[in-house]
Amino acid sequence: MSTPSFVHSKEKIDDSPKPISEKELKYFLKFQKNMQDGIDYYKHLFSEIMVKIEDIKIDLLNNLAILERELNSIELEPAEEFTPQLLLVKTG
């Protein structure tokens, strides 16, 4: 996938007379550096986001495990006269 500015600059390089002037060379080198800096920025940003997402995932899974243990610790006992609609809940 190429961005419009990258495609335009690549076409500009391809269409420029050879050898290119010093001014054009400086422009293209600066453009190349700026593009690389942008790519590096987003690579770093996304790697940081992935670490944060992993931390959030771990917290969520830990909280789910706590809730599951609490849910499983609830003991239900039937009332003296058992009917499915009448259950006593015994906690802790």
N, C-alpha and C. Protein backbone atom coordinates (compact mmCIF):
# COMPACT_ATOMS: atom_id res chain seq x y z
N MET A 1 0.85 -1.18 0.00
CA MET A 1 0.00 0.00 0.00
C MET A 1 0.89 1.24 0.00
N SER A 2 0.70 2.09 -0.95
CA SER A 2 1.49 3.32 -1.03
C SER A 2 0.60 4.52 -0.79
N THR A 3 1.15 5.49 -0.07
CA THR A 3 0.41 6.72 0.17
C THR A 3 0.54 7.63 -1.04
N PRO A 4 -0.43 8.53 -1.24
CA PRO A 4 -0.34 9.44 -2.39
C PRO A 4 0.94 10.27 -2.42
N SER A 5 1.41 10.74 -1.25
CA SER A 5 2.63 11.56 -1.24
C SER A 5 3.85 10.72 -1.61
N PHE A 6 3.86 9.46 -1.17
CA PHE A 6 4.97 8.57 -1.52
C PHE A 6 4.97 8.29 -3.02
N VAL A 7 3.79 7.99 -3.55
CA VAL A 7 3.68 7.71 -4.99
C VAL A 7 4.10 8.94 -5.79
N HIS A 8 3.64 10.11 -5.37
CA HIS A 8 3.99 11.36 -6.07
C HIS A 8 5.51 11.58 -6.04
N SER A 9 6.12 11.39 -4.88
CA SER A 9 7.56 11.60 -4.78
C SER A 9 8.34 10.57 -5.59
N LYS A 10 7.89 9.33 -5.57
CA LYS A 10 8.56 8.30 -6.36
C LYS A 10 8.46 8.64 -7.85
N GLU A 11 7.29 9.10 -8.28
CA GLU A 11 7.13 9.50 -9.68
C GLU A 11 8.02 10.69 -10.01
N LYS A 12 8.12 11.61 -9.05
CA LYS A 12 8.95 12.79 -9.24
C LYS A 12 10.42 12.39 -9.41
N ILE A 13 10.87 11.41 -8.61
CA ILE A 13 12.25 10.92 -8.73
C ILE A 13 12.44 10.24 -10.08
N ASP A 14 11.49 9.38 -10.45
CA ASP A 14 11.58 8.66 -11.72
C ASP A 14 11.60 9.61 -12.92
N ASP A 15 10.83 10.70 -12.82
CA ASP A 15 10.70 11.63 -13.94
C ASP A 15 11.80 12.71 -13.98
N SER A 16 12.56 12.83 -12.90
CA SER A 16 13.57 13.89 -12.88
C SER A 16 14.75 13.52 -13.78
N PRO A 17 15.36 14.55 -14.36
CA PRO A 17 16.50 14.28 -15.25
C PRO A 17 17.67 13.68 -14.46
N LYS A 18 18.41 12.87 -15.11
CA LYS A 18 19.57 12.24 -14.47
C LYS A 18 20.83 12.90 -15.00
N PRO A 19 21.80 13.17 -14.25
CA PRO A 19 21.81 13.07 -12.80
C PRO A 19 20.95 14.18 -12.17
N ILE A 20 20.43 13.93 -10.97
CA ILE A 20 19.57 14.93 -10.33
C ILE A 20 20.43 16.01 -9.70
N SER A 21 19.82 17.17 -9.56
CA SER A 21 20.56 18.31 -9.00
C SER A 21 20.76 18.11 -7.49
N GLU A 22 21.67 18.88 -6.95
CA GLU A 22 21.95 18.81 -5.52
C GLU A 22 20.71 19.21 -4.71
N LYS A 23 19.97 20.22 -5.21
CA LYS A 23 18.75 20.68 -4.55
C LYS A 23 17.72 19.55 -4.50
N GLU A 24 17.53 18.87 -5.64
CA GLU A 24 16.57 17.76 -5.69
C GLU A 24 17.04 16.61 -4.80
N LEU A 25 18.32 16.34 -4.79
CA LEU A 25 18.86 15.28 -3.96
C LEU A 25 18.59 15.56 -2.49
N LYS A 26 18.83 16.81 -2.05
CA LYS A 26 18.55 17.18 -0.66
C LYS A 26 17.06 17.00 -0.34
N TYR A 27 16.20 17.44 -1.31
CA TYR A 27 14.76 17.30 -1.11
C TYR A 27 14.39 15.83 -0.95
N PHE A 28 14.86 14.97 -1.82
CA PHE A 28 14.50 13.55 -1.78
C PHE A 28 15.06 12.86 -0.54
N LEU A 29 16.27 13.22 -0.14
CA LEU A 29 16.85 12.63 1.06
C LEU A 29 16.08 13.05 2.31
N LYS A 30 15.68 14.34 2.35
CA LYS A 30 14.88 14.81 3.48
C LYS A 30 13.52 14.12 3.48
N PHE A 31 12.91 13.99 2.33
CA PHE A 31 11.62 13.31 2.23
C PHE A 31 11.75 11.86 2.70
N GLN A 32 12.80 11.18 2.25
CA GLN A 32 13.03 9.79 2.64
C GLN A 32 13.21 9.67 4.15
N LYS A 33 13.97 10.60 4.74
CA LYS A 33 14.18 10.58 6.19
C LYS A 33 12.87 10.82 6.92
N ASN A 34 12.08 11.79 6.46
CA ASN A 34 10.79 12.08 7.10
C ASN A 34 9.85 10.88 7.02
N MET A 35 9.83 10.20 5.88
CA MET A 35 8.99 9.01 5.74
C MET A 35 9.46 7.92 6.70
N GLN A 36 10.78 7.71 6.80
CA GLN A 36 11.31 6.68 7.71
C GLN A 36 11.01 7.04 9.16
N ASP A 37 11.13 8.32 9.51
CA ASP A 37 10.80 8.76 10.87
C ASP A 37 9.33 8.48 11.19
N GLY A 38 8.45 8.73 10.22
CA GLY A 38 7.02 8.46 10.41
C GLY A 38 6.75 6.97 10.60
N ILE A 39 7.39 6.15 9.79
CA ILE A 39 7.24 4.69 9.90
C ILE A 39 7.73 4.23 11.27
N ASP A 40 8.89 4.71 11.70
CA ASP A 40 9.44 4.33 13.01
C ASP A 40 8.51 4.76 14.14
N TYR A 41 7.95 5.96 14.02
CA TYR A 41 7.03 6.48 15.04
C TYR A 41 5.84 5.54 15.21
N TYR A 42 5.22 5.16 14.10
CA TYR A 42 4.03 4.31 14.20
C TYR A 42 4.36 2.89 14.64
N LYS A 43 5.52 2.38 14.25
CA LYS A 43 5.94 1.06 14.74
C LYS A 43 6.06 1.09 16.27
N HIS A 44 6.71 2.13 16.78
CA HIS A 44 6.89 2.27 18.23
C HIS A 44 5.53 2.46 18.92
N LEU A 45 4.69 3.31 18.35
CA LEU A 45 3.38 3.57 18.93
C LEU A 45 2.56 2.29 19.02
N PHE A 46 2.54 1.51 17.94
CA PHE A 46 1.74 0.29 17.94
C PHE A 46 2.32 -0.75 18.88
N SER A 47 3.62 -0.80 19.03
CA SER A 47 4.19 -1.76 19.98
C SER A 47 3.81 -1.38 21.41
N GLU A 48 3.78 -0.09 21.72
CA GLU A 48 3.34 0.37 23.05
C GLU A 48 1.88 0.03 23.28
N ILE A 49 1.06 0.22 22.25
CA ILE A 49 -0.37 -0.08 22.37
C ILE A 49 -0.57 -1.57 22.62
N MET A 50 0.20 -2.41 21.93
CA MET A 50 0.06 -3.85 22.11
C MET A 50 0.42 -4.26 23.53
N VAL A 51 1.41 -3.62 24.14
CA VAL A 51 1.78 -3.91 25.53
C VAL A 51 0.63 -3.53 26.45
N LYS A 52 0.05 -2.35 26.22
CA LYS A 52 -1.07 -1.91 27.06
C LYS A 52 -2.27 -2.82 26.90
N ILE A 53 -2.54 -3.25 25.67
CA ILE A 53 -3.66 -4.17 25.43
C ILE A 53 -3.43 -5.48 26.17
N GLU A 54 -2.21 -5.98 26.15
CA GLU A 54 -1.88 -7.23 26.85
C GLU A 54 -2.09 -7.06 28.36
N ASP A 55 -1.70 -5.90 28.91
CA ASP A 55 -1.91 -5.63 30.34
C ASP A 55 -3.41 -5.61 30.67
N ILE A 56 -4.19 -4.98 29.83
CA ILE A 56 -5.64 -4.92 30.04
C ILE A 56 -6.23 -6.32 29.97
N LYS A 57 -5.78 -7.11 29.01
CA LYS A 57 -6.27 -8.49 28.86
C LYS A 57 -5.98 -9.30 30.12
N ILE A 58 -4.76 -9.18 30.65
CA ILE A 58 -4.39 -9.91 31.87
C ILE A 58 -5.28 -9.48 33.04
N ASP A 59 -5.51 -8.17 33.19
CA ASP A 59 -6.38 -7.68 34.27
C ASP A 59 -7.79 -8.23 34.13
N LEU A 60 -8.31 -8.21 32.91
CA LEU A 60 -9.67 -8.72 32.68
C LEU A 60 -9.76 -10.22 33.00
N LEU A 61 -8.78 -10.98 32.57
CA LEU A 61 -8.80 -12.42 32.85
C LEU A 61 -8.68 -12.69 34.35
N ASN A 62 -7.87 -11.91 35.05
CA ASN A 62 -7.76 -12.06 36.51
C ASN A 62 -9.09 -11.74 37.19
N ASN A 63 -9.74 -10.67 36.77
CA ASN A 63 -11.04 -10.30 37.34
C ASN A 63 -12.09 -11.37 37.05
N LEU A 64 -12.06 -11.93 35.85
CA LEU A 64 -13.01 -13.00 35.53
C LEU A 64 -12.76 -14.22 36.41
N ALA A 65 -11.51 -14.54 36.68
CA ALA A 65 -11.19 -15.68 37.54
C ALA A 65 -11.70 -15.44 38.96
N ILE A 66 -11.55 -14.22 39.46
CA ILE A 66 -12.06 -13.88 40.80
C ILE A 66 -13.57 -14.03 40.82
N LEU A 67 -14.25 -13.48 39.83
CA LEU A 67 -15.71 -13.59 39.77
C LEU A 67 -16.15 -15.04 39.66
N GLU A 68 -15.42 -15.84 38.91
CA GLU A 68 -15.77 -17.25 38.76
C GLU A 68 -15.63 -17.99 40.09
N ARG A 69 -14.55 -17.69 40.83
CA ARG A 69 -14.37 -18.32 42.16
C ARG A 69 -15.50 -17.92 43.10
N GLU A 70 -15.86 -16.64 43.08
CA GLU A 70 -16.96 -16.17 43.93
C GLU A 70 -18.27 -16.86 43.54
N LEU A 71 -18.50 -16.98 42.26
CA LEU A 71 -19.72 -17.64 41.78
C LEU A 71 -19.76 -19.09 42.23
N ASN A 72 -18.63 -19.77 42.10
CA ASN A 72 -18.58 -21.18 42.47
C ASN A 72 -18.62 -21.40 43.98
N SER A 73 -18.36 -20.37 44.77
CA SER A 73 -18.39 -20.52 46.22
C SER A 73 -19.80 -20.39 46.79
N ILE A 74 -20.72 -19.96 45.99
CA ILE A 74 -22.10 -19.84 46.45
C ILE A 74 -22.71 -21.24 46.53
N GLU A 75 -23.22 -21.56 47.72
CA GLU A 75 -23.84 -22.87 47.91
C GLU A 75 -25.35 -22.69 47.92
N LEU A 76 -26.01 -23.43 47.11
CA LEU A 76 -27.46 -23.41 47.08
C LEU A 76 -27.96 -24.66 47.78
N GLU A 77 -28.87 -24.47 48.72
CA GLU A 77 -29.47 -25.59 49.42
C GLU A 77 -30.96 -25.56 49.20
N PRO A 78 -31.55 -26.70 48.96
CA PRO A 78 -33.01 -26.71 48.80
C PRO A 78 -33.70 -26.40 50.13
N ALA A 79 -34.84 -25.77 50.04
CA ALA A 79 -35.65 -25.51 51.23
C ALA A 79 -36.15 -26.85 51.76
N GLU A 80 -36.74 -26.83 52.96
CA GLU A 80 -37.22 -28.07 53.54
C GLU A 80 -38.13 -28.81 52.58
N GLU A 81 -39.05 -28.10 52.03
CA GLU A 81 -39.91 -28.71 51.01
C GLU A 81 -39.39 -28.23 49.68
N PHE A 82 -38.72 -29.11 48.98
CA PHE A 82 -38.06 -28.71 47.73
C PHE A 82 -39.07 -28.49 46.62
N THR A 83 -39.01 -27.33 46.08
CA THR A 83 -39.67 -27.03 44.81
C THR A 83 -38.64 -26.25 44.01
N PRO A 84 -38.58 -26.44 42.71
CA PRO A 84 -37.57 -25.73 41.92
C PRO A 84 -37.61 -24.22 42.09
N GLN A 85 -38.77 -23.67 42.42
CA GLN A 85 -38.88 -22.22 42.54
C GLN A 85 -38.40 -21.71 43.89
N LEU A 86 -38.20 -22.56 44.88
CA LEU A 86 -37.87 -22.12 46.22
C LEU A 86 -36.52 -22.65 46.64
N LEU A 87 -35.49 -21.82 46.54
CA LEU A 87 -34.14 -22.18 46.95
C LEU A 87 -33.64 -21.16 47.96
N LEU A 88 -32.92 -21.62 48.96
CA LEU A 88 -32.27 -20.72 49.90
C LEU A 88 -30.83 -20.50 49.45
N VAL A 89 -30.39 -19.27 49.47
CA VAL A 89 -29.02 -18.96 49.07
C VAL A 89 -28.20 -18.80 50.34
N LYS A 90 -27.13 -19.55 50.42
CA LYS A 90 -26.23 -19.52 51.57
C LYS A 90 -24.89 -18.94 51.09
N THR A 91 -24.48 -17.81 51.66
CA THR A 91 -23.22 -17.19 51.26
C THR A 91 -22.24 -17.26 52.41
N GLY A 92 -20.98 -17.19 52.05
CA GLY A 92 -19.86 -17.11 52.94
C GLY A 92 -19.87 -18.06 54.05
